[in-house]
Amino acid sequence: MPTKSELMHHRLQAMLREHNFPELEYLGVKPDIIGVNQHWYSINGHEVPVDSITELDNVEQHDEDESDSF
């Protein structure tokens, strides 16, 4: 059974295939601080092991012409 980290890695890979996220980049596999090989990502210029990513927020961007008020 896949771990939470493996599931998050697969989810992030699917997101990168289907969408353009300039602030998200896959860096590959390398050891973390205790020597365990992890998938690493760059998020807004910060290198983060996949096991440190606990959730993904869905943020919608609106055009400037759109208004959220009624």
N, C-alpha and C. Protein backbone atom coordinates (compact mmCIF):
# COMPACT_ATOMS: atom_id res chain seq x y z
N MET A 1 0.84 -1.18 0.00
CA MET A 1 0.00 0.00 0.00
C MET A 1 0.89 1.24 0.00
N PRO A 2 0.58 2.23 -0.85
CA PRO A 2 1.41 3.44 -0.93
C PRO A 2 1.32 4.27 0.35
N THR A 3 2.41 4.93 0.67
CA THR A 3 2.43 5.82 1.83
C THR A 3 1.80 7.15 1.46
N LYS A 4 1.54 7.98 2.48
CA LYS A 4 1.00 9.32 2.23
C LYS A 4 1.96 10.14 1.38
N SER A 5 3.27 9.98 1.62
CA SER A 5 4.27 10.71 0.84
C SER A 5 4.25 10.29 -0.63
N GLU A 6 4.12 8.98 -0.88
CA GLU A 6 4.06 8.50 -2.26
C GLU A 6 2.81 9.00 -2.96
N LEU A 7 1.68 8.99 -2.25
CA LEU A 7 0.44 9.50 -2.83
C LEU A 7 0.54 10.99 -3.15
N MET A 8 1.16 11.76 -2.24
CA MET A 8 1.33 13.20 -2.49
C MET A 8 2.25 13.41 -3.68
N HIS A 9 3.31 12.62 -3.80
CA HIS A 9 4.22 12.74 -4.94
C HIS A 9 3.47 12.48 -6.25
N HIS A 10 2.66 11.43 -6.29
CA HIS A 10 1.90 11.13 -7.51
C HIS A 10 0.88 12.22 -7.83
N ARG A 11 0.28 12.77 -6.80
CA ARG A 11 -0.68 13.87 -7.00
C ARG A 11 0.03 15.11 -7.57
N LEU A 12 1.19 15.43 -7.01
CA LEU A 12 1.95 16.58 -7.50
C LEU A 12 2.41 16.36 -8.94
N GLN A 13 2.84 15.14 -9.26
CA GLN A 13 3.27 14.84 -10.62
C GLN A 13 2.12 15.01 -11.60
N ALA A 14 0.92 14.56 -11.22
CA ALA A 14 -0.26 14.72 -12.07
C ALA A 14 -0.57 16.20 -12.27
N MET A 15 -0.46 16.98 -11.21
CA MET A 15 -0.71 18.43 -11.33
C MET A 15 0.29 19.07 -12.28
N LEU A 16 1.56 18.69 -12.17
CA LEU A 16 2.59 19.28 -13.04
C LEU A 16 2.38 18.90 -14.50
N ARG A 17 1.87 17.68 -14.75
CA ARG A 17 1.59 17.25 -16.13
C ARG A 17 0.42 18.01 -16.74
N GLU A 18 -0.60 18.28 -15.92
CA GLU A 18 -1.85 18.83 -16.43
C GLU A 18 -1.93 20.36 -16.40
N HIS A 19 -1.09 21.00 -15.60
CA HIS A 19 -1.18 22.45 -15.43
C HIS A 19 0.21 23.08 -15.42
N ASN A 20 0.25 24.38 -15.56
CA ASN A 20 1.49 25.13 -15.50
C ASN A 20 1.57 25.84 -14.15
N PHE A 21 2.51 25.42 -13.32
CA PHE A 21 2.75 26.04 -12.03
C PHE A 21 4.18 26.55 -11.99
N PRO A 22 4.41 27.82 -12.33
CA PRO A 22 5.79 28.32 -12.35
C PRO A 22 6.47 28.27 -10.98
N GLU A 23 5.69 28.28 -9.90
CA GLU A 23 6.27 28.26 -8.56
C GLU A 23 6.53 26.85 -8.04
N LEU A 24 6.17 25.81 -8.81
CA LEU A 24 6.34 24.42 -8.40
C LEU A 24 7.23 23.69 -9.39
N GLU A 25 8.29 23.07 -8.89
CA GLU A 25 9.22 22.33 -9.75
C GLU A 25 9.67 21.06 -9.04
N TYR A 26 9.69 19.95 -9.79
CA TYR A 26 10.20 18.68 -9.24
C TYR A 26 11.71 18.69 -9.33
N LEU A 27 12.39 18.38 -8.23
CA LEU A 27 13.86 18.41 -8.18
C LEU A 27 14.50 17.04 -8.23
N GLY A 28 13.71 15.98 -8.04
CA GLY A 28 14.25 14.63 -8.06
C GLY A 28 14.31 14.02 -6.68
N VAL A 29 15.03 12.89 -6.59
CA VAL A 29 15.16 12.15 -5.34
C VAL A 29 16.53 12.42 -4.75
N LYS A 30 16.53 12.74 -3.48
CA LYS A 30 17.78 12.91 -2.74
C LYS A 30 17.50 12.70 -1.26
N PRO A 31 18.53 12.44 -0.46
CA PRO A 31 18.32 12.18 0.96
C PRO A 31 17.83 13.42 1.72
N ASP A 32 16.96 13.18 2.69
CA ASP A 32 16.54 14.27 3.56
C ASP A 32 17.55 14.44 4.69
N ILE A 33 17.21 15.19 5.70
CA ILE A 33 18.15 15.52 6.77
C ILE A 33 18.61 14.30 7.57
N ILE A 34 17.77 13.23 7.60
CA ILE A 34 18.17 12.02 8.34
C ILE A 34 18.66 10.91 7.41
N GLY A 35 18.81 11.22 6.12
CA GLY A 35 19.39 10.27 5.18
C GLY A 35 18.41 9.40 4.42
N VAL A 36 17.10 9.64 4.57
CA VAL A 36 16.08 8.87 3.87
C VAL A 36 15.83 9.51 2.51
N ASN A 37 15.90 8.72 1.43
CA ASN A 37 15.64 9.26 0.10
C ASN A 37 14.19 9.71 -0.01
N GLN A 38 14.02 10.94 -0.47
CA GLN A 38 12.70 11.56 -0.63
C GLN A 38 12.62 12.22 -2.00
N HIS A 39 11.41 12.38 -2.51
CA HIS A 39 11.17 13.22 -3.68
C HIS A 39 11.18 14.66 -3.18
N TRP A 40 11.89 15.52 -3.89
CA TRP A 40 12.01 16.92 -3.49
C TRP A 40 11.37 17.82 -4.52
N TYR A 41 10.76 18.91 -4.03
CA TYR A 41 10.12 19.91 -4.88
C TYR A 41 10.62 21.29 -4.48
N SER A 42 10.65 22.18 -5.46
CA SER A 42 10.91 23.58 -5.18
C SER A 42 9.56 24.28 -5.21
N ILE A 43 9.22 24.92 -4.09
CA ILE A 43 7.96 25.65 -3.99
C ILE A 43 8.31 27.09 -3.67
N ASN A 44 8.06 27.98 -4.62
CA ASN A 44 8.41 29.40 -4.47
C ASN A 44 9.87 29.58 -4.07
N GLY A 45 10.75 28.74 -4.65
CA GLY A 45 12.17 28.86 -4.40
C GLY A 45 12.68 28.14 -3.16
N HIS A 46 11.78 27.47 -2.44
CA HIS A 46 12.17 26.73 -1.23
C HIS A 46 12.19 25.24 -1.55
N GLU A 47 13.31 24.56 -1.25
CA GLU A 47 13.40 23.12 -1.47
C GLU A 47 12.72 22.39 -0.32
N VAL A 48 11.75 21.54 -0.69
CA VAL A 48 10.90 20.87 0.31
C VAL A 48 10.81 19.38 -0.02
N PRO A 49 11.06 18.48 0.96
CA PRO A 49 10.83 17.06 0.71
C PRO A 49 9.33 16.78 0.70
N VAL A 50 8.92 15.82 -0.11
CA VAL A 50 7.50 15.56 -0.28
C VAL A 50 6.82 15.18 1.03
N ASP A 51 7.54 14.57 1.96
CA ASP A 51 6.90 14.20 3.22
C ASP A 51 6.60 15.40 4.11
N SER A 52 7.08 16.59 3.73
CA SER A 52 6.77 17.81 4.46
C SER A 52 5.57 18.54 3.88
N ILE A 53 5.08 18.08 2.74
CA ILE A 53 3.90 18.68 2.12
C ILE A 53 2.69 17.91 2.64
N THR A 54 1.86 18.56 3.42
CA THR A 54 0.75 17.86 4.06
C THR A 54 -0.58 18.06 3.36
N GLU A 55 -0.74 19.17 2.63
CA GLU A 55 -1.99 19.41 1.92
C GLU A 55 -1.77 20.34 0.76
N LEU A 56 -2.71 20.30 -0.16
CA LEU A 56 -2.68 21.19 -1.32
C LEU A 56 -3.95 22.03 -1.29
N ASP A 57 -3.78 23.33 -1.39
CA ASP A 57 -4.94 24.22 -1.43
C ASP A 57 -5.27 24.55 -2.86
N ASN A 58 -6.54 24.58 -3.18
CA ASN A 58 -7.01 24.97 -4.50
C ASN A 58 -7.32 26.45 -4.46
N VAL A 59 -6.50 27.23 -5.13
CA VAL A 59 -6.69 28.68 -5.15
C VAL A 59 -7.08 29.08 -6.57
N GLU A 60 -8.26 29.69 -6.68
CA GLU A 60 -8.72 30.17 -7.98
C GLU A 60 -8.31 31.61 -8.16
N GLN A 61 -7.84 31.92 -9.36
CA GLN A 61 -7.50 33.30 -9.68
C GLN A 61 -8.60 33.88 -10.55
N HIS A 62 -9.04 35.07 -10.20
CA HIS A 62 -10.10 35.74 -10.96
C HIS A 62 -9.49 36.82 -11.84
N ASP A 63 -10.10 37.04 -12.99
CA ASP A 63 -9.69 38.15 -13.84
C ASP A 63 -10.01 39.45 -13.12
N GLU A 64 -9.27 40.51 -13.44
CA GLU A 64 -9.48 41.80 -12.82
C GLU A 64 -10.85 42.36 -13.13
N ASP A 65 -11.45 41.97 -14.28
CA ASP A 65 -12.75 42.48 -14.67
C ASP A 65 -13.89 41.82 -13.90
N GLU A 66 -13.62 40.68 -13.28
CA GLU A 66 -14.67 39.96 -12.55
C GLU A 66 -14.81 40.57 -11.15
N SER A 67 -16.02 40.50 -10.64
CA SER A 67 -16.29 41.02 -9.31
C SER A 67 -16.94 39.93 -8.48
N ASP A 68 -16.52 39.82 -7.21
CA ASP A 68 -17.11 38.85 -6.31
C ASP A 68 -18.34 39.42 -5.59
N SER A 69 -18.60 40.68 -5.75
CA SER A 69 -19.75 41.28 -5.07
C SER A 69 -21.00 41.17 -5.94
N PHE A 70 -22.15 41.26 -5.28
CA PHE A 70 -23.43 41.17 -5.99
C PHE A 70 -24.01 42.52 -6.25
